[in-house]
Amino acid sequence: MSLRILQDSNERILQAARAGVGIAFLHQATVREVLIRGDLVEILANFTQVEEGFWLYYPSRKYLSAPLRHFIDWLKEINH
């Protein structure tokens, strides 16, 4: 059985990972101290994002609203 947990708070994601619920995808600055203390271990280090900037996650590219499409285009424009 697979359980899926979706959180919108870095603190809650970190709490869940520390409780052993699963894997967390967080910015390095958020987890630096717990990694140093050994409370968590880094996995998939080869897949770490090293670029600075904005990251936008959205469910699908197929049916984007016009405002979201414009926002995505604007983010791309200011990050180049």
C-alpha atoms as a PDB file:
ATOM      1  CA  MET A   1       0.000   0.000   0.000  1.00  0.00           C
ATOM      2  CA  SER A   2       1.255   3.445  -0.905  1.00  0.00           C
ATOM      3  CA  LEU A   3       0.450   6.571   1.087  1.00  0.00           C
ATOM      4  CA  ARG A   4       0.763   9.993  -0.462  1.00  0.00           C
ATOM      5  CA  ILE A   5       1.163  13.084   1.709  1.00  0.00           C
ATOM      6  CA  LEU A   6       1.081  16.559   0.225  1.00  0.00           C
ATOM      7  CA  GLN A   7       2.235  19.480   2.355  1.00  0.00           C
ATOM      8  CA  ASP A   8       2.590  23.170   1.583  1.00  0.00           C
ATOM      9  CA  SER A   9       4.772  24.060   4.560  1.00  0.00           C
ATOM     10  CA  ASN A  10       8.523  23.463   4.619  1.00  0.00           C
ATOM     11  CA  GLU A  11       8.365  23.004   8.386  1.00  0.00           C
ATOM     12  CA  ARG A  12       5.707  20.298   8.111  1.00  0.00           C
ATOM     13  CA  ILE A  13       7.594  18.555   5.316  1.00  0.00           C
ATOM     14  CA  LEU A  14      10.718  18.597   7.484  1.00  0.00           C
ATOM     15  CA  GLN A  15       8.782  17.264  10.491  1.00  0.00           C
ATOM     16  CA  ALA A  16       7.360  14.424   8.402  1.00  0.00           C
ATOM     17  CA  ALA A  17      10.796  13.468   7.080  1.00  0.00           C
ATOM     18  CA  ARG A  18      12.311  13.544  10.571  1.00  0.00           C
ATOM     19  CA  ALA A  19       9.447  11.300  11.758  1.00  0.00           C
ATOM     20  CA  GLY A  20      10.374   8.774   9.080  1.00  0.00           C
ATOM     21  CA  VAL A  21       7.266   9.271   6.966  1.00  0.00           C
ATOM     22  CA  GLY A  22       9.170   9.543   3.693  1.00  0.00           C
ATOM     23  CA  ILE A  23      11.463  11.562   1.492  1.00  0.00           C
ATOM     24  CA  ALA A  24      11.453  15.367   1.543  1.00  0.00           C
ATOM     25  CA  PHE A  25      12.442  17.690  -1.294  1.00  0.00           C
ATOM     26  CA  LEU A  26      13.549  20.912   0.387  1.00  0.00           C
ATOM     27  CA  HIS A  27      15.990  23.749  -0.185  1.00  0.00           C
ATOM     28  CA  GLN A  28      19.406  23.031   1.288  1.00  0.00           C
ATOM     29  CA  ALA A  29      19.239  26.053   3.613  1.00  0.00           C
ATOM     30  CA  THR A  30      16.080  24.594   5.158  1.00  0.00           C
ATOM     31  CA  VAL A  31      17.731  21.276   6.040  1.00  0.00           C
ATOM     32  CA  ARG A  32      21.352  22.303   6.564  1.00  0.00           C
ATOM     33  CA  GLU A  33      21.266  22.098  10.365  1.00  0.00           C
ATOM     34  CA  VAL A  34      19.444  18.759  10.556  1.00  0.00           C
ATOM     35  CA  LEU A  35      21.873  17.292   8.023  1.00  0.00           C
ATOM     36  CA  ILE A  36      24.848  18.533  10.058  1.00  0.00           C
ATOM     37  CA  ARG A  37      23.357  17.027  13.246  1.00  0.00           C
ATOM     38  CA  GLY A  38      22.715  13.758  11.430  1.00  0.00           C
ATOM     39  CA  ASP A  39      18.950  13.868  12.031  1.00  0.00           C
ATOM     40  CA  LEU A  40      18.449  13.370   8.281  1.00  0.00           C
ATOM     41  CA  VAL A  41      20.643  12.047   5.500  1.00  0.00           C
ATOM     42  CA  GLU A  42      20.860  13.387   1.989  1.00  0.00           C
ATOM     43  CA  ILE A  43      19.823  11.014  -0.769  1.00  0.00           C
ATOM     44  CA  LEU A  44      19.917  11.469  -4.525  1.00  0.00           C
ATOM     45  CA  ALA A  45      22.704  14.041  -4.186  1.00  0.00           C
ATOM     46  CA  ASN A  46      23.431  13.752  -7.912  1.00  0.00           C
ATOM     47  CA  PHE A  47      19.983  15.200  -8.611  1.00  0.00           C
ATOM     48  CA  THR A  48      20.348  18.308  -6.444  1.00  0.00           C
ATOM     49  CA  GLN A  49      19.316  21.558  -8.125  1.00  0.00           C
ATOM     50  CA  VAL A  50      22.233  23.956  -8.124  1.00  0.00           C
ATOM     51  CA  GLU A  51      20.691  26.858 -10.006  1.00  0.00           C
ATOM     52  CA  GLU A  52      19.275  29.810  -8.165  1.00  0.00           C
ATOM     53  CA  GLY A  53      15.925  31.254  -9.088  1.00  0.00           C
ATOM     54  CA  PHE A  54      12.245  30.527  -8.941  1.00  0.00           C
ATOM     55  CA  TRP A  55      10.760  27.059  -9.255  1.00  0.00           C
ATOM     56  CA  LEU A  56       7.115  26.739 -10.100  1.00  0.00           C
ATOM     57  CA  TYR A  57       5.280  23.433  -9.846  1.00  0.00           C
ATOM     58  CA  TYR A  58       1.848  23.048 -11.366  1.00  0.00           C
ATOM     59  CA  PRO A  59      -0.242  19.983 -12.188  1.00  0.00           C
ATOM     60  CA  SER A  60      -0.386  20.041 -15.983  1.00  0.00           C
ATOM     61  CA  ARG A  61       0.665  22.004 -19.029  1.00  0.00           C
ATOM     62  CA  LYS A  62      -2.363  20.854 -20.969  1.00  0.00           C
ATOM     63  CA  TYR A  63      -5.059  23.101 -19.494  1.00  0.00           C
ATOM     64  CA  LEU A  64      -3.382  26.234 -18.170  1.00  0.00           C
ATOM     65  CA  SER A  65      -5.502  29.280 -17.491  1.00  0.00           C
ATOM     66  CA  ALA A  66      -4.461  32.442 -19.319  1.00  0.00           C
ATOM     67  CA  PRO A  67      -3.329  34.210 -16.098  1.00  0.00           C
ATOM     68  CA  LEU A  68      -1.154  31.243 -15.078  1.00  0.00           C
ATOM     69  CA  ARG A  69       0.317  31.004 -18.600  1.00  0.00           C
ATOM     70  CA  HIS A  70       1.188  34.740 -18.483  1.00  0.00           C
ATOM     71  CA  PHE A  71       2.715  34.359 -15.016  1.00  0.00           C
ATOM     72  CA  ILE A  72       4.884  31.429 -16.170  1.00  0.00           C
ATOM     73  CA  ASP A  73       6.007  33.388 -19.243  1.00  0.00           C
ATOM     74  CA  TRP A  74       6.835  36.395 -17.041  1.00  0.00           C
ATOM     75  CA  LEU A  75       8.905  34.243 -14.637  1.00  0.00           C
ATOM     76  CA  LYS A  76      10.826  32.783 -17.557  1.00  0.00           C
ATOM     77  CA  GLU A  77      11.462  36.260 -18.927  1.00  0.00           C
ATOM     78  CA  ILE A  78      12.852  37.734 -15.693  1.00  0.00           C
ATOM     79  CA  ASN A  79      15.059  34.700 -15.020  1.00  0.00           C
ATOM     80  CA  HIS A  80      16.980  34.833 -18.308  1.00  0.00           C
END
